[in-house]
Amino acid sequence: MTTSYDCTAAEQRAAGLEHAQRAIRENKCVVFPTDTVYGIAADAFSPLAVTLLLASKGRSRKMPPPVLIPRLNALDGLATDVPAEARRLAEAFWPGGLTLILHAQPSLDWDLGETKGTVALRIPADEIAQDLLTLTGPLAVSSANRTGHAAAQTAADAEAQLAESVEVYLEGGPRPADGADALASTIVDATALPLRVVRQGAISLDRLRGVVPGVLDIDGNAADAADAPEPAAAPEPGSA
């Protein structure tokens, strides 16, 4: 039976988080707010739960969901061969609207779909999302909408699309919270160097290049040479 909780009220928020934790443990799906849009979530380590998530959205295994994590130190437990450049982006923009595609730890027992040995990771900058992730651990999460429809910006929007396929809806008000247009996270492929943007979103290319200048744009182009900073002049012979 589907249950909705108004997480703007402390008592309902506590009850909703407890119910959501139980639902995740029972391989069911939940909907909750993130800093970008509302997400539908399932246990990342349960193939059954991930299958139900994809079915709820009308999505195939060819479009595997990313994984949300509660803290930066979970990165190395789920990914391997993390480039230093990707780590710098994570440190700069997590929690926030940046998703990094990395090589998945080969020892992990999970099945997110046809990932080709990769995993897409993000830490959301949202209190309710962080509270839930702290209770559950990593979650497979996708936008809370039927494939081809607009991303839900409230739990009520999500429920109108996903209905009884979700056990728990956590309503936290509109997302983004400032009433801006919904923007998905920016996705950066960090499985090879140089890093490359594969979806433009909440974090602009300029901001990414402010941390890692060599990030390629969505077309695979580097920053214009004219925009690159001039190298420092070499010191005169014999100078300090």
Protein backbone atom coordinates (compact mmCIF):
# COMPACT_ATOMS: atom_id res chain seq x y z
CA MET A 1 0.00 0.00 0.00
CA THR A 2 1.34 3.43 -0.99
CA THR A 3 1.83 5.98 1.80
CA SER A 4 2.76 9.67 1.53
CA TYR A 5 4.44 11.71 4.26
CA ASP A 6 4.69 15.48 4.59
CA CYS A 7 8.35 15.84 5.51
CA THR A 8 7.99 19.55 6.20
CA ALA A 9 6.45 18.42 9.54
CA ALA A 10 9.03 16.91 11.92
CA GLU A 11 6.85 14.05 13.17
CA GLN A 12 5.81 12.94 9.68
CA ARG A 13 9.37 13.28 8.45
CA ALA A 14 10.66 10.89 11.10
CA ALA A 15 7.87 8.40 10.39
CA GLY A 16 8.39 8.72 6.64
CA LEU A 17 12.13 8.13 6.84
CA GLU A 18 11.57 5.07 9.03
CA HIS A 19 8.98 3.67 6.60
CA ALA A 20 11.23 4.43 3.61
CA GLN A 21 14.16 2.64 5.25
CA ARG A 22 11.95 -0.41 5.83
CA ALA A 23 10.64 -0.31 2.25
CA ILE A 24 14.18 -0.21 0.83
CA ARG A 25 15.10 -3.20 3.00
CA GLU A 26 12.07 -5.06 1.57
CA ASN A 27 13.18 -4.40 -2.04
CA LYS A 28 10.49 -1.78 -2.67
CA CYS A 29 10.76 1.66 -4.26
CA VAL A 30 10.51 5.05 -2.56
CA VAL A 31 10.29 8.62 -3.86
CA PHE A 32 12.13 11.48 -2.14
CA PRO A 33 13.39 14.99 -2.88
CA THR A 34 16.91 15.74 -4.05
CA ASP A 35 18.57 19.06 -4.78
CA THR A 36 17.70 18.79 -8.48
CA VAL A 37 14.34 16.98 -8.89
CA TYR A 38 12.47 14.21 -7.07
CA GLY A 39 13.98 10.75 -7.37
CA ILE A 40 12.67 7.19 -7.30
CA ALA A 41 15.04 4.98 -5.33
CA ALA A 42 15.73 1.31 -4.67
CA ASP A 43 18.44 -0.73 -2.95
CA ALA A 44 21.46 -0.52 -5.25
CA PHE A 45 22.57 -4.00 -4.19
CA SER A 46 19.24 -5.74 -4.92
CA PRO A 47 18.77 -6.79 -8.57
CA LEU A 48 15.07 -7.33 -7.85
CA ALA A 49 14.65 -3.81 -6.45
CA VAL A 50 16.51 -2.24 -9.39
CA THR A 51 14.34 -4.22 -11.83
CA LEU A 52 11.22 -2.87 -10.11
CA LEU A 53 12.60 0.69 -10.30
CA LEU A 54 13.23 0.38 -14.04
CA ALA A 55 9.79 -1.16 -14.57
CA SER A 56 8.13 1.67 -12.62
CA LYS A 57 9.69 4.18 -14.99
CA GLY A 58 9.09 2.12 -18.13
CA ARG A 59 12.83 2.00 -18.68
CA SER A 60 15.06 -0.77 -20.05
CA ARG A 61 18.28 -2.21 -18.65
CA LYS A 62 20.10 -0.24 -21.34
CA MET A 63 19.52 2.89 -19.21
CA PRO A 64 20.94 1.93 -15.78
CA PRO A 65 20.24 4.28 -12.86
CA PRO A 66 22.97 6.25 -11.11
CA VAL A 67 23.78 5.60 -7.46
CA LEU A 68 23.46 8.25 -4.75
CA ILE A 69 25.82 8.00 -1.80
CA PRO A 70 25.73 9.73 1.61
CA ARG A 71 29.34 10.86 1.90
CA LEU A 72 32.58 11.27 -0.05
CA ASN A 73 34.39 8.39 1.66
CA ALA A 74 31.92 5.97 0.03
CA LEU A 75 33.47 6.80 -3.35
CA ASP A 76 36.38 4.37 -3.09
CA GLY A 77 34.15 1.58 -1.80
CA LEU A 78 32.07 1.67 -4.98
CA ALA A 79 34.54 2.82 -7.65
CA THR A 80 38.07 1.93 -8.63
CA ASP A 81 40.85 3.69 -10.55
CA VAL A 82 39.41 7.09 -9.64
CA PRO A 83 41.44 9.77 -11.48
CA ALA A 84 42.82 12.62 -9.39
CA GLU A 85 40.90 15.05 -11.63
CA ALA A 86 37.60 13.30 -10.84
CA ARG A 87 38.41 13.38 -7.14
CA ARG A 88 39.00 17.14 -7.35
CA LEU A 89 35.59 17.63 -8.99
CA ALA A 90 33.94 15.50 -6.30
CA GLU A 91 35.59 17.49 -3.54
CA ALA A 92 34.53 20.77 -5.18
CA PHE A 93 30.93 19.95 -6.14
CA TRP A 94 29.70 17.23 -3.75
CA PRO A 95 27.18 17.47 -2.28
CA GLY A 96 25.65 18.98 -5.42
CA GLY A 97 24.47 18.57 -8.98
CA LEU A 98 27.42 16.61 -10.39
CA THR A 99 27.35 12.93 -11.38
CA LEU A 100 30.63 11.12 -12.07
CA ILE A 101 30.82 7.98 -14.24
CA LEU A 102 33.59 5.77 -12.88
CA HIS A 103 34.82 2.19 -13.09
CA ALA A 104 32.78 0.10 -10.64
CA GLN A 105 34.53 -2.00 -8.02
CA PRO A 106 34.56 -5.46 -9.64
CA SER A 107 34.03 -7.20 -6.29
CA LEU A 108 30.60 -5.62 -5.71
CA ASP A 109 27.57 -7.89 -5.92
CA TRP A 110 25.07 -5.73 -7.77
CA ASP A 111 23.25 -5.49 -11.09
CA LEU A 112 22.20 -2.00 -12.15
CA GLY A 113 21.65 -2.94 -15.79
CA GLU A 114 23.96 -2.77 -18.79
CA THR A 115 26.62 -0.59 -17.21
CA LYS A 116 29.66 -2.07 -19.01
CA GLY A 117 31.52 -2.17 -15.71
CA THR A 118 30.86 1.44 -14.74
CA VAL A 119 28.83 3.21 -12.08
CA ALA A 120 27.50 6.79 -11.98
CA LEU A 121 27.85 8.34 -8.50
CA ARG A 122 26.56 11.52 -6.87
CA ILE A 123 25.99 13.05 -3.41
CA PRO A 124 22.81 15.16 -3.36
CA ALA A 125 22.76 18.49 -1.52
CA ASP A 126 19.40 17.90 0.15
CA GLU A 127 18.73 17.29 3.84
CA ILE A 128 15.94 14.73 3.40
CA ALA A 129 17.95 12.85 0.78
CA GLN A 130 21.03 12.83 3.00
CA ASP A 131 19.01 11.62 6.00
CA LEU A 132 17.58 8.74 3.96
CA LEU A 133 20.94 7.77 2.47
CA THR A 134 22.50 7.76 5.94
CA LEU A 135 19.85 5.23 6.99
CA THR A 136 19.97 3.04 3.90
CA GLY A 137 23.40 3.36 2.35
CA PRO A 138 23.86 3.71 -1.43
CA LEU A 139 20.64 3.86 -3.45
CA ALA A 140 19.97 3.36 -7.14
CA VAL A 141 18.07 6.52 -8.04
CA SER A 142 16.47 7.92 -11.17
CA SER A 143 14.20 10.90 -11.73
CA ALA A 144 10.71 10.19 -10.38
CA ASN A 145 8.74 10.15 -13.60
CA ARG A 146 7.68 7.81 -16.38
CA THR A 147 10.26 7.75 -19.16
CA GLY A 148 9.48 10.47 -21.69
CA HIS A 149 7.53 12.61 -19.21
CA ALA A 150 8.65 15.70 -17.28
CA ALA A 151 10.69 15.12 -14.13
CA ALA A 152 8.62 15.46 -10.96
CA GLN A 153 9.27 18.58 -8.88
CA THR A 154 7.06 17.45 -5.97
CA ALA A 155 6.16 14.06 -4.53
CA ALA A 156 2.57 14.66 -5.64
CA ASP A 157 3.79 15.10 -9.24
CA ALA A 158 5.69 11.82 -8.93
CA GLU A 159 2.70 9.97 -7.48
CA ALA A 160 0.53 11.11 -10.39
CA GLN A 161 2.95 9.29 -12.71
CA LEU A 162 4.21 6.34 -10.67
CA ALA A 163 1.15 5.60 -8.48
CA GLU A 164 1.18 2.24 -6.66
CA SER A 165 4.56 1.15 -8.04
CA VAL A 166 6.12 3.13 -5.17
CA GLU A 167 5.71 2.16 -1.50
CA VAL A 168 6.60 5.49 0.13
CA TYR A 169 6.43 9.09 -1.08
CA LEU A 170 8.38 11.66 0.94
CA GLU A 171 7.02 15.13 0.21
CA GLY A 172 9.45 17.95 0.94
CA GLY A 173 8.03 20.76 -1.16
CA PRO A 174 9.13 21.89 -4.62
CA ARG A 175 12.55 20.94 -5.99
CA PRO A 176 14.59 22.88 -6.78
CA ALA A 177 13.61 24.57 -3.54
CA ASP A 178 14.10 28.09 -4.92
CA GLY A 179 11.39 27.55 -7.53
CA ALA A 180 13.85 27.54 -10.44
CA ASP A 181 13.32 25.36 -13.47
CA ALA A 182 14.18 21.71 -12.89
CA LEU A 183 17.76 20.92 -13.90
CA ALA A 184 19.21 17.42 -13.84
CA SER A 185 22.76 16.93 -12.63
CA THR A 186 25.71 17.45 -14.93
CA ILE A 187 27.25 14.09 -15.87
CA VAL A 188 31.01 13.75 -16.39
CA ASP A 189 32.64 10.60 -17.77
CA ALA A 190 35.67 9.97 -15.59
CA THR A 191 36.47 6.47 -16.89
CA ALA A 192 39.25 7.89 -19.09
CA LEU A 193 41.34 11.04 -19.38
CA PRO A 194 40.67 13.75 -20.20
CA LEU A 195 37.36 13.92 -18.37
CA ARG A 196 34.36 14.63 -20.61
CA VAL A 197 30.90 16.10 -20.03
CA VAL A 198 28.24 13.70 -21.36
CA ARG A 199 25.20 15.61 -20.10
CA GLN A 200 24.98 19.31 -19.36
CA GLY A 201 23.01 20.22 -16.25
CA ALA A 202 23.21 21.96 -12.89
CA ILE A 203 27.01 22.50 -12.86
CA SER A 204 28.21 24.58 -15.81
CA LEU A 205 31.22 23.67 -17.93
CA ASP A 206 32.92 26.90 -16.85
CA ARG A 207 32.64 25.90 -13.19
CA LEU A 208 34.03 22.43 -13.94
CA ARG A 209 36.95 23.94 -15.82
CA GLY A 210 37.56 26.29 -12.93
CA VAL A 211 38.61 23.18 -11.00
CA VAL A 212 39.89 20.92 -13.81
CA PRO A 213 40.76 23.07 -16.86
CA GLY A 214 41.14 20.06 -19.15
CA VAL A 215 37.52 18.88 -18.99
CA LEU A 216 36.16 18.30 -22.51
CA ASP A 217 32.75 19.63 -23.47
CA ILE A 218 29.84 17.46 -24.63
CA ASP A 219 31.24 17.44 -28.19
CA GLY A 220 34.68 16.35 -26.99
CA ASN A 221 36.28 19.77 -27.40
CA ALA A 222 38.91 21.22 -25.08
CA ALA A 223 38.87 24.81 -23.85
CA ASP A 224 39.88 27.32 -26.53
CA ALA A 225 43.57 28.05 -26.45
CA ALA A 226 42.72 31.75 -26.43
CA ASP A 227 40.84 31.31 -23.18
CA ALA A 228 43.59 29.34 -21.48
CA PRO A 229 45.78 31.20 -18.98
CA GLU A 230 49.25 32.18 -20.21
CA PRO A 231 52.06 30.07 -18.78
CA ALA A 232 54.27 31.75 -16.24
CA ALA A 233 57.49 33.22 -17.64
CA ALA A 234 60.61 31.15 -17.03
CA PRO A 235 63.01 32.67 -14.48
CA GLU A 236 66.13 34.41 -15.71
CA PRO A 237 69.28 32.31 -15.43
CA GLY A 238 70.80 32.69 -12.03
CA SER A 239 67.67 34.21 -10.44
CA ALA A 240 66.28 32.86 -7.22
